[in-house]
């Protein structure tokens, strides 16, 4: 099971769009996927056709102990794609949980038994580095950072990297940044090309080869409660996210090689010791 948090404290960079569409593409390719919406705006839930407003059936009820995970787990219109939805009540969670012991890991505590039933767990984080995001980073083992290919793309990334270092040291030693997603790319502009080059220079091999181009269909899809692969399967947006998703799956070969190499080194050291 891979658990991946999509994070960027800057809003409007394609974070929710990327989470929803990668999840939908993974499910389309036969993977069993759990989506966790930790943004009080609930945009990912709505993007996938789930409206929980006024239904008392969101992750807020889970972390406040009012409902069990199985009671709020919601199936989407795409086979194999389930979601733990969000709603505006989640906005008060940080205040309500301020005196709760283990508040940084409360989401993991309540969802732990559910997570391993899936091939992928994707988490849409709020555009901030508060308590909800900390919870996401204790559930996840990987971080994907969507970056808009515009002037302010790298602004604030240093703060995100600082937060990542603290979480890795104190709460989740297995956490790694494994993917940077260039979004809203326009190859017709010199600025877009220059920023993309800067992102690649800064993050090197962590940047995905697949780039998400600006596409009107991507903007329309959420209002219809559909991921792009369903709303406009022949669009550039659908092609870009499917290519990105296949690249995400392909990462696992390199991860497996890394695990095998680490195991071999351990065996060599143990043999030398004996």
C-alpha atoms as a PDB file:
ATOM      1  CA  UNK A   1       0.000   0.000   0.000  1.00  0.00           C
ATOM      2  CA  UNK A   2       1.302   3.441  -0.977  1.00  0.00           C
ATOM      3  CA  UNK A   3       0.007   6.391   1.013  1.00  0.00           C
ATOM      4  CA  UNK A   4       0.627   9.745  -0.670  1.00  0.00           C
ATOM      5  CA  UNK A   5      -0.170  13.251   0.567  1.00  0.00           C
ATOM      6  CA  UNK A   6      -0.644  15.943  -2.078  1.00  0.00           C
ATOM      7  CA  UNK A   7       0.553  19.127  -0.424  1.00  0.00           C
ATOM      8  CA  UNK A   8       1.264  22.766  -1.157  1.00  0.00           C
ATOM      9  CA  UNK A   9       0.414  25.576   1.238  1.00  0.00           C
ATOM     10  CA  UNK A  10      -0.185  27.878  -1.735  1.00  0.00           C
ATOM     11  CA  UNK A  11      -3.746  27.652  -3.044  1.00  0.00           C
ATOM     12  CA  UNK A  12      -4.787  27.389  -6.681  1.00  0.00           C
ATOM     13  CA  UNK A  13      -1.804  25.340  -7.857  1.00  0.00           C
ATOM     14  CA  UNK A  14      -3.674  22.220  -8.975  1.00  0.00           C
ATOM     15  CA  UNK A  15      -3.359  20.251  -5.737  1.00  0.00           C
ATOM     16  CA  UNK A  16      -6.959  19.073  -5.424  1.00  0.00           C
ATOM     17  CA  UNK A  17      -7.279  18.595  -9.192  1.00  0.00           C
ATOM     18  CA  UNK A  18      -4.169  16.406  -9.176  1.00  0.00           C
ATOM     19  CA  UNK A  19      -5.271  14.327  -6.182  1.00  0.00           C
ATOM     20  CA  UNK A  20      -8.733  13.654  -7.594  1.00  0.00           C
ATOM     21  CA  UNK A  21      -7.591  12.865 -11.121  1.00  0.00           C
ATOM     22  CA  UNK A  22      -4.620  10.680 -10.205  1.00  0.00           C
ATOM     23  CA  UNK A  23      -6.937   8.712  -7.909  1.00  0.00           C
ATOM     24  CA  UNK A  24      -9.527   8.304 -10.662  1.00  0.00           C
ATOM     25  CA  UNK A  25      -6.891   7.207 -13.183  1.00  0.00           C
ATOM     26  CA  UNK A  26      -5.426   4.685 -10.736  1.00  0.00           C
ATOM     27  CA  UNK A  27      -8.872   3.172 -10.215  1.00  0.00           C
ATOM     28  CA  UNK A  28      -9.447   3.113 -13.984  1.00  0.00           C
ATOM     29  CA  UNK A  29      -6.212   1.126 -14.301  1.00  0.00           C
ATOM     30  CA  UNK A  30      -7.524  -1.471 -11.865  1.00  0.00           C
ATOM     31  CA  UNK A  31      -6.063  -0.234  -8.578  1.00  0.00           C
ATOM     32  CA  UNK A  32      -8.055  -0.101  -5.359  1.00  0.00           C
ATOM     33  CA  UNK A  33      -7.871   3.490  -4.139  1.00  0.00           C
ATOM     34  CA  UNK A  34      -8.923   5.342  -0.981  1.00  0.00           C
ATOM     35  CA  UNK A  35      -9.162   9.123  -1.162  1.00  0.00           C
ATOM     36  CA  UNK A  36      -9.008  11.152   2.069  1.00  0.00           C
ATOM     37  CA  UNK A  37     -10.285  14.723   1.872  1.00  0.00           C
ATOM     38  CA  UNK A  38      -8.633  16.747   4.652  1.00  0.00           C
ATOM     39  CA  UNK A  39      -9.496  20.151   3.193  1.00  0.00           C
ATOM     40  CA  UNK A  40     -12.486  21.780   4.993  1.00  0.00           C
ATOM     41  CA  UNK A  41     -13.571  23.252   1.643  1.00  0.00           C
ATOM     42  CA  UNK A  42     -14.425  19.704   0.541  1.00  0.00           C
ATOM     43  CA  UNK A  43     -13.460  20.432  -3.057  1.00  0.00           C
ATOM     44  CA  UNK A  44     -12.097  16.955  -3.776  1.00  0.00           C
ATOM     45  CA  UNK A  45     -15.277  15.367  -2.441  1.00  0.00           C
ATOM     46  CA  UNK A  46     -17.361  17.526  -4.775  1.00  0.00           C
ATOM     47  CA  UNK A  47     -14.943  16.903  -7.651  1.00  0.00           C
ATOM     48  CA  UNK A  48     -15.710  13.184  -7.318  1.00  0.00           C
ATOM     49  CA  UNK A  49     -19.470  13.732  -7.126  1.00  0.00           C
ATOM     50  CA  UNK A  50     -19.809  13.436  -3.339  1.00  0.00           C
ATOM     51  CA  UNK A  51     -21.715  16.161  -1.504  1.00  0.00           C
ATOM     52  CA  UNK A  52     -21.833  15.630   2.256  1.00  0.00           C
ATOM     53  CA  UNK A  53     -23.004  19.077   3.330  1.00  0.00           C
ATOM     54  CA  UNK A  54     -25.625  18.727   6.039  1.00  0.00           C
ATOM     55  CA  UNK A  55     -25.363  14.918   6.093  1.00  0.00           C
ATOM     56  CA  UNK A  56     -23.073  14.530   9.155  1.00  0.00           C
ATOM     57  CA  UNK A  57     -21.014  11.990   7.263  1.00  0.00           C
ATOM     58  CA  UNK A  58     -17.510  13.400   6.862  1.00  0.00           C
ATOM     59  CA  UNK A  59     -14.048  12.973   8.337  1.00  0.00           C
ATOM     60  CA  UNK A  60     -14.993  15.566  10.957  1.00  0.00           C
ATOM     61  CA  UNK A  61     -17.406  13.080  12.531  1.00  0.00           C
ATOM     62  CA  UNK A  62     -14.619  10.496  12.507  1.00  0.00           C
ATOM     63  CA  UNK A  63     -11.887  12.489  14.249  1.00  0.00           C
ATOM     64  CA  UNK A  64     -14.308  13.824  16.856  1.00  0.00           C
ATOM     65  CA  UNK A  65     -15.329  10.255  17.705  1.00  0.00           C
ATOM     66  CA  UNK A  66     -18.938  10.585  16.582  1.00  0.00           C
ATOM     67  CA  UNK A  67     -18.783   7.939  13.828  1.00  0.00           C
ATOM     68  CA  UNK A  68     -16.689   4.956  12.779  1.00  0.00           C
ATOM     69  CA  UNK A  69     -14.625   4.909   9.585  1.00  0.00           C
ATOM     70  CA  UNK A  70     -16.962   2.383   7.954  1.00  0.00           C
ATOM     71  CA  UNK A  71     -19.917   4.710   8.568  1.00  0.00           C
ATOM     72  CA  UNK A  72     -18.430   7.588   6.592  1.00  0.00           C
ATOM     73  CA  UNK A  73     -16.606   5.587   3.898  1.00  0.00           C
ATOM     74  CA  UNK A  74     -18.281   6.553   0.612  1.00  0.00           C
ATOM     75  CA  UNK A  75     -18.121   4.877  -2.787  1.00  0.00           C
ATOM     76  CA  UNK A  76     -17.759   7.053  -5.868  1.00  0.00           C
ATOM     77  CA  UNK A  77     -19.141   6.484  -9.356  1.00  0.00           C
ATOM     78  CA  UNK A  78     -15.798   4.933 -10.372  1.00  0.00           C
ATOM     79  CA  UNK A  79     -15.332   1.272  -9.469  1.00  0.00           C
ATOM     80  CA  UNK A  80     -12.537   0.758  -6.963  1.00  0.00           C
ATOM     81  CA  UNK A  81     -12.443   4.409  -5.887  1.00  0.00           C
ATOM     82  CA  UNK A  82     -13.658   5.139  -2.337  1.00  0.00           C
ATOM     83  CA  UNK A  83     -13.482   8.378  -0.391  1.00  0.00           C
ATOM     84  CA  UNK A  84     -13.490   9.644   3.178  1.00  0.00           C
ATOM     85  CA  UNK A  85     -15.222  12.965   2.420  1.00  0.00           C
ATOM     86  CA  UNK A  86     -14.888  16.377   4.048  1.00  0.00           C
ATOM     87  CA  UNK A  87     -17.161  19.297   4.799  1.00  0.00           C
ATOM     88  CA  UNK A  88     -16.948  22.783   6.286  1.00  0.00           C
ATOM     89  CA  UNK A  89     -17.278  21.488   9.877  1.00  0.00           C
ATOM     90  CA  UNK A  90     -13.676  20.299   9.579  1.00  0.00           C
ATOM     91  CA  UNK A  91     -12.576  23.953   9.745  1.00  0.00           C
ATOM     92  CA  UNK A  92     -13.175  23.942  13.516  1.00  0.00           C
ATOM     93  CA  UNK A  93     -11.261  20.714  14.115  1.00  0.00           C
ATOM     94  CA  UNK A  94      -7.909  22.369  14.844  1.00  0.00           C
ATOM     95  CA  UNK A  95      -9.451  24.387  17.670  1.00  0.00           C
ATOM     96  CA  UNK A  96     -11.495  21.481  19.056  1.00  0.00           C
ATOM     97  CA  UNK A  97      -8.507  19.123  19.085  1.00  0.00           C
ATOM     98  CA  UNK A  98      -6.013  21.560  20.594  1.00  0.00           C
ATOM     99  CA  UNK A  99      -6.036  19.794  23.981  1.00  0.00           C
ATOM    100  CA  UNK A 100      -6.346  16.261  22.592  1.00  0.00           C
ATOM    101  CA  UNK A 101      -3.446  13.917  23.358  1.00  0.00           C
ATOM    102  CA  UNK A 102      -1.840  12.695  20.110  1.00  0.00           C
ATOM    103  CA  UNK A 103      -3.748  15.231  18.010  1.00  0.00           C
ATOM    104  CA  UNK A 104      -1.108  15.066  15.230  1.00  0.00           C
ATOM    105  CA  UNK A 105      -1.881  11.375  14.640  1.00  0.00           C
ATOM    106  CA  UNK A 106      -5.616  11.243  15.293  1.00  0.00           C
ATOM    107  CA  UNK A 107      -6.541  10.602  11.634  1.00  0.00           C
ATOM    108  CA  UNK A 108      -4.096   7.691  11.468  1.00  0.00           C
ATOM    109  CA  UNK A 109      -5.487   6.325  14.747  1.00  0.00           C
ATOM    110  CA  UNK A 110      -9.054   6.187  13.434  1.00  0.00           C
ATOM    111  CA  UNK A 111      -8.227   4.993   9.902  1.00  0.00           C
ATOM    112  CA  UNK A 112      -5.357   2.599  10.597  1.00  0.00           C
ATOM    113  CA  UNK A 113      -7.375  -0.624  10.192  1.00  0.00           C
ATOM    114  CA  UNK A 114      -8.901   0.599   6.922  1.00  0.00           C
ATOM    115  CA  UNK A 115      -5.784   1.770   5.082  1.00  0.00           C
ATOM    116  CA  UNK A 116      -4.192  -1.590   4.243  1.00  0.00           C
ATOM    117  CA  UNK A 117      -7.288  -2.718   2.356  1.00  0.00           C
ATOM    118  CA  UNK A 118      -6.227  -0.466  -0.530  1.00  0.00           C
ATOM    119  CA  UNK A 119      -3.398  -0.332  -3.074  1.00  0.00           C
ATOM    120  CA  UNK A 120      -3.205   3.455  -2.801  1.00  0.00           C
ATOM    121  CA  UNK A 121      -4.271   6.015  -0.213  1.00  0.00           C
ATOM    122  CA  UNK A 122      -4.267   9.581  -1.572  1.00  0.00           C
ATOM    123  CA  UNK A 123      -4.721  12.547   0.762  1.00  0.00           C
ATOM    124  CA  UNK A 124      -5.794  16.020  -0.320  1.00  0.00           C
ATOM    125  CA  UNK A 125      -4.312  18.464   2.209  1.00  0.00           C
ATOM    126  CA  UNK A 126      -5.599  21.957   2.990  1.00  0.00           C
ATOM    127  CA  UNK A 127      -3.553  24.911   1.635  1.00  0.00           C
ATOM    128  CA  UNK A 128      -1.795  25.452   4.983  1.00  0.00           C
ATOM    129  CA  UNK A 129       0.727  23.758   7.253  1.00  0.00           C
ATOM    130  CA  UNK A 130      -1.566  23.381  10.258  1.00  0.00           C
ATOM    131  CA  UNK A 131      -2.824  20.426  12.304  1.00  0.00           C
ATOM    132  CA  UNK A 132      -4.787  18.799   9.473  1.00  0.00           C
ATOM    133  CA  UNK A 133      -1.727  18.781   7.231  1.00  0.00           C
ATOM    134  CA  UNK A 134       0.386  17.363  10.077  1.00  0.00           C
ATOM    135  CA  UNK A 135      -2.156  14.548  10.363  1.00  0.00           C
ATOM    136  CA  UNK A 136      -1.857  13.866   6.638  1.00  0.00           C
ATOM    137  CA  UNK A 137       1.916  13.631   6.940  1.00  0.00           C
ATOM    138  CA  UNK A 138       1.689  11.043   9.705  1.00  0.00           C
ATOM    139  CA  UNK A 139      -0.648   8.892   7.599  1.00  0.00           C
ATOM    140  CA  UNK A 140       1.393   9.224   4.401  1.00  0.00           C
ATOM    141  CA  UNK A 141       4.751   7.711   3.545  1.00  0.00           C
ATOM    142  CA  UNK A 142       5.159   9.868   0.445  1.00  0.00           C
ATOM    143  CA  UNK A 143       4.610  13.492  -0.550  1.00  0.00           C
ATOM    144  CA  UNK A 144       3.660  14.767  -3.995  1.00  0.00           C
ATOM    145  CA  UNK A 145       3.991  18.540  -4.482  1.00  0.00           C
ATOM    146  CA  UNK A 146       1.947  20.068  -7.342  1.00  0.00           C
ATOM    147  CA  UNK A 147       3.661  23.260  -8.525  1.00  0.00           C
ATOM    148  CA  UNK A 148       2.110  25.840 -10.817  1.00  0.00           C
ATOM    149  CA  UNK A 149       4.501  26.773 -13.628  1.00  0.00           C
ATOM    150  CA  UNK A 150       4.161  30.487 -12.947  1.00  0.00           C
ATOM    151  CA  UNK A 151       6.236  33.203 -11.283  1.00  0.00           C
ATOM    152  CA  UNK A 152       5.418  32.452  -7.629  1.00  0.00           C
ATOM    153  CA  UNK A 153       5.690  28.671  -8.006  1.00  0.00           C
ATOM    154  CA  UNK A 154       8.692  28.192  -5.725  1.00  0.00           C
ATOM    155  CA  UNK A 155       7.666  30.813  -3.203  1.00  0.00           C
ATOM    156  CA  UNK A 156       6.986  29.139   0.125  1.00  0.00           C
ATOM    157  CA  UNK A 157       8.489  25.801  -0.929  1.00  0.00           C
ATOM    158  CA  UNK A 158      11.390  26.316   1.482  1.00  0.00           C
ATOM    159  CA  UNK A 159       8.884  26.517   4.365  1.00  0.00           C
ATOM    160  CA  UNK A 160       7.250  23.308   3.166  1.00  0.00           C
ATOM    161  CA  UNK A 161      10.632  21.570   3.074  1.00  0.00           C
ATOM    162  CA  UNK A 162      11.387  22.770   6.614  1.00  0.00           C
ATOM    163  CA  UNK A 163       8.071  21.337   7.825  1.00  0.00           C
ATOM    164  CA  UNK A 164       8.847  18.085   6.013  1.00  0.00           C
ATOM    165  CA  UNK A 165      12.208  17.813   7.812  1.00  0.00           C
ATOM    166  CA  UNK A 166      10.594  18.359  11.226  1.00  0.00           C
ATOM    167  CA  UNK A 167       7.828  15.796  10.595  1.00  0.00           C
ATOM    168  CA  UNK A 168      10.345  13.237   9.328  1.00  0.00           C
ATOM    169  CA  UNK A 169      12.529  13.642  12.411  1.00  0.00           C
ATOM    170  CA  UNK A 170       9.796  13.775  15.048  1.00  0.00           C
ATOM    171  CA  UNK A 171       6.676  11.982  13.795  1.00  0.00           C
ATOM    172  CA  UNK A 172       7.225   9.922  10.643  1.00  0.00           C
ATOM    173  CA  UNK A 173      10.730   8.716   9.804  1.00  0.00           C
ATOM    174  CA  UNK A 174       9.520   6.893   6.662  1.00  0.00           C
ATOM    175  CA  UNK A 175       8.194  10.073   4.994  1.00  0.00           C
ATOM    176  CA  UNK A 176       9.799  11.019   1.660  1.00  0.00           C
ATOM    177  CA  UNK A 177       9.154  13.568  -1.094  1.00  0.00           C
ATOM    178  CA  UNK A 178       8.801  11.298  -4.127  1.00  0.00           C
ATOM    179  CA  UNK A 179       7.183  13.489  -6.761  1.00  0.00           C
ATOM    180  CA  UNK A 180       6.912  17.076  -8.014  1.00  0.00           C
ATOM    181  CA  UNK A 181       4.001  17.666 -10.413  1.00  0.00           C
ATOM    182  CA  UNK A 182       4.315  20.637 -12.799  1.00  0.00           C
ATOM    183  CA  UNK A 183       0.779  21.973 -13.334  1.00  0.00           C
ATOM    184  CA  UNK A 184      -0.984  24.573 -15.494  1.00  0.00           C
ATOM    185  CA  UNK A 185       1.840  24.541 -18.015  1.00  0.00           C
ATOM    186  CA  UNK A 186       1.661  26.691 -21.120  1.00  0.00           C
ATOM    187  CA  UNK A 187       4.479  25.935 -23.551  1.00  0.00           C
ATOM    188  CA  UNK A 188       3.570  29.013 -25.607  1.00  0.00           C
ATOM    189  CA  UNK A 189       4.956  31.373 -22.965  1.00  0.00           C
ATOM    190  CA  UNK A 190       8.609  32.002 -22.209  1.00  0.00           C
ATOM    191  CA  UNK A 191       7.712  32.324 -18.528  1.00  0.00           C
ATOM    192  CA  UNK A 192       6.168  28.841 -18.391  1.00  0.00           C
ATOM    193  CA  UNK A 193       9.253  27.308 -20.010  1.00  0.00           C
ATOM    194  CA  UNK A 194      11.606  29.246 -17.702  1.00  0.00           C
ATOM    195  CA  UNK A 195       9.732  28.285 -14.526  1.00  0.00           C
ATOM    196  CA  UNK A 196       9.594  24.631 -15.563  1.00  0.00           C
ATOM    197  CA  UNK A 197      13.374  24.685 -16.082  1.00  0.00           C
ATOM    198  CA  UNK A 198      13.775  26.261 -12.637  1.00  0.00           C
ATOM    199  CA  UNK A 199      11.601  23.573 -11.022  1.00  0.00           C
ATOM    200  CA  UNK A 200      13.679  20.841 -12.666  1.00  0.00           C
ATOM    201  CA  UNK A 201      16.896  22.541 -11.569  1.00  0.00           C
ATOM    202  CA  UNK A 202      15.653  22.828  -7.979  1.00  0.00           C
ATOM    203  CA  UNK A 203      14.128  19.351  -7.536  1.00  0.00           C
ATOM    204  CA  UNK A 204      16.124  17.406 -10.135  1.00  0.00           C
ATOM    205  CA  UNK A 205      14.982  13.778 -10.532  1.00  0.00           C
ATOM    206  CA  UNK A 206      11.941  14.218  -8.275  1.00  0.00           C
ATOM    207  CA  UNK A 207      10.096  16.099 -11.046  1.00  0.00           C
ATOM    208  CA  UNK A 208       7.704  13.916 -13.026  1.00  0.00           C
ATOM    209  CA  UNK A 209       8.292  13.772 -16.770  1.00  0.00           C
ATOM    210  CA  UNK A 210       4.531  14.107 -17.324  1.00  0.00           C
ATOM    211  CA  UNK A 211       3.436  17.742 -17.252  1.00  0.00           C
ATOM    212  CA  UNK A 212      -0.145  18.914 -16.708  1.00  0.00           C
ATOM    213  CA  UNK A 213      -0.988  21.431 -19.410  1.00  0.00           C
ATOM    214  CA  UNK A 214      -3.545  24.216 -19.064  1.00  0.00           C
ATOM    215  CA  UNK A 215      -6.844  22.767 -20.234  1.00  0.00           C
ATOM    216  CA  UNK A 216     -10.351  24.215 -20.100  1.00  0.00           C
ATOM    217  CA  UNK A 217     -11.890  20.766 -19.628  1.00  0.00           C
ATOM    218  CA  UNK A 218      -9.929  20.351 -16.394  1.00  0.00           C
ATOM    219  CA  UNK A 219     -11.573  23.519 -15.103  1.00  0.00           C
ATOM    220  CA  UNK A 220     -15.049  22.378 -16.157  1.00  0.00           C
ATOM    221  CA  UNK A 221     -14.913  18.824 -14.755  1.00  0.00           C
ATOM    222  CA  UNK A 222     -15.291  19.651 -11.002  1.00  0.00           C
ATOM    223  CA  UNK A 223     -18.556  21.542 -11.589  1.00  0.00           C
ATOM    224  CA  UNK A 224     -19.978  18.329 -13.059  1.00  0.00           C
ATOM    225  CA  UNK A 225     -18.763  16.224 -10.115  1.00  0.00           C
ATOM    226  CA  UNK A 226     -16.576  14.136 -12.408  1.00  0.00           C
ATOM    227  CA  UNK A 227     -12.842  13.494 -12.812  1.00  0.00           C
ATOM    228  CA  UNK A 228     -11.395  14.430 -16.179  1.00  0.00           C
ATOM    229  CA  UNK A 229     -10.998  10.785 -17.269  1.00  0.00           C
ATOM    230  CA  UNK A 230     -14.793  10.466 -17.100  1.00  0.00           C
ATOM    231  CA  UNK A 231     -15.861  13.977 -18.092  1.00  0.00           C
ATOM    232  CA  UNK A 232     -13.615  14.384 -21.142  1.00  0.00           C
ATOM    233  CA  UNK A 233     -11.562  11.229 -21.728  1.00  0.00           C
ATOM    234  CA  UNK A 234     -10.115  12.512 -25.030  1.00  0.00           C
ATOM    235  CA  UNK A 235      -8.975  15.883 -23.678  1.00  0.00           C
ATOM    236  CA  UNK A 236      -5.389  16.966 -23.069  1.00  0.00           C
ATOM    237  CA  UNK A 237      -6.152  16.992 -19.347  1.00  0.00           C
ATOM    238  CA  UNK A 238      -7.197  13.337 -19.381  1.00  0.00           C
ATOM    239  CA  UNK A 239      -4.144  12.370 -21.431  1.00  0.00           C
ATOM    240  CA  UNK A 240      -1.798  14.276 -19.103  1.00  0.00           C
ATOM    241  CA  UNK A 241      -3.188  12.787 -15.894  1.00  0.00           C
ATOM    242  CA  UNK A 242      -3.243   9.271 -17.310  1.00  0.00           C
ATOM    243  CA  UNK A 243       0.408   9.660 -18.362  1.00  0.00           C
ATOM    244  CA  UNK A 244       1.264  10.985 -14.890  1.00  0.00           C
ATOM    245  CA  UNK A 245      -0.572   8.104 -13.222  1.00  0.00           C
ATOM    246  CA  UNK A 246       1.287   5.515 -15.264  1.00  0.00           C
ATOM    247  CA  UNK A 247       4.506   7.233 -14.230  1.00  0.00           C
ATOM    248  CA  UNK A 248       3.410   6.996 -10.580  1.00  0.00           C
ATOM    249  CA  UNK A 249       2.859   3.258 -10.966  1.00  0.00           C
ATOM    250  CA  UNK A 250       6.217   2.890 -12.729  1.00  0.00           C
ATOM    251  CA  UNK A 251       7.928   4.419  -9.675  1.00  0.00           C
ATOM    252  CA  UNK A 252       7.316   1.153  -7.860  1.00  0.00           C
ATOM    253  CA  UNK A 253       9.916  -0.689  -9.939  1.00  0.00           C
ATOM    254  CA  UNK A 254      12.615   1.686  -8.731  1.00  0.00           C
ATOM    255  CA  UNK A 255      11.294   1.472  -5.180  1.00  0.00           C
ATOM    256  CA  UNK A 256      11.481  -2.319  -5.336  1.00  0.00           C
ATOM    257  CA  UNK A 257      15.059  -2.129  -6.623  1.00  0.00           C
ATOM    258  CA  UNK A 258      15.919   0.159  -3.719  1.00  0.00           C
ATOM    259  CA  UNK A 259      14.431  -2.249  -1.192  1.00  0.00           C
ATOM    260  CA  UNK A 260      16.317  -5.187  -2.718  1.00  0.00           C
ATOM    261  CA  UNK A 261      19.599  -3.236  -2.741  1.00  0.00           C
ATOM    262  CA  UNK A 262      19.126  -2.255   0.886  1.00  0.00           C
ATOM    263  CA  UNK A 263      18.383  -5.862   1.818  1.00  0.00           C
ATOM    264  CA  UNK A 264      21.504  -7.074   0.008  1.00  0.00           C
ATOM    265  CA  UNK A 265      23.681  -4.519   1.813  1.00  0.00           C
ATOM    266  CA  UNK A 266      22.243  -5.636   5.139  1.00  0.00           C
ATOM    267  CA  UNK A 267      22.905  -9.302   4.333  1.00  0.00           C
ATOM    268  CA  UNK A 268      26.488  -8.475   3.304  1.00  0.00           C
ATOM    269  CA  UNK A 269      27.119  -6.615   6.556  1.00  0.00           C
ATOM    270  CA  UNK A 270      25.602  -9.445   8.606  1.00  0.00           C
ATOM    271  CA  UNK A 271      27.724 -12.024   6.733  1.00  0.00           C
ATOM    272  CA  UNK A 272      30.880  -9.958   7.335  1.00  0.00           C
ATOM    273  CA  UNK A 273      30.041  -9.706  11.029  1.00  0.00           C
ATOM    274  CA  UNK A 274      29.586 -13.489  11.314  1.00  0.00           C
END
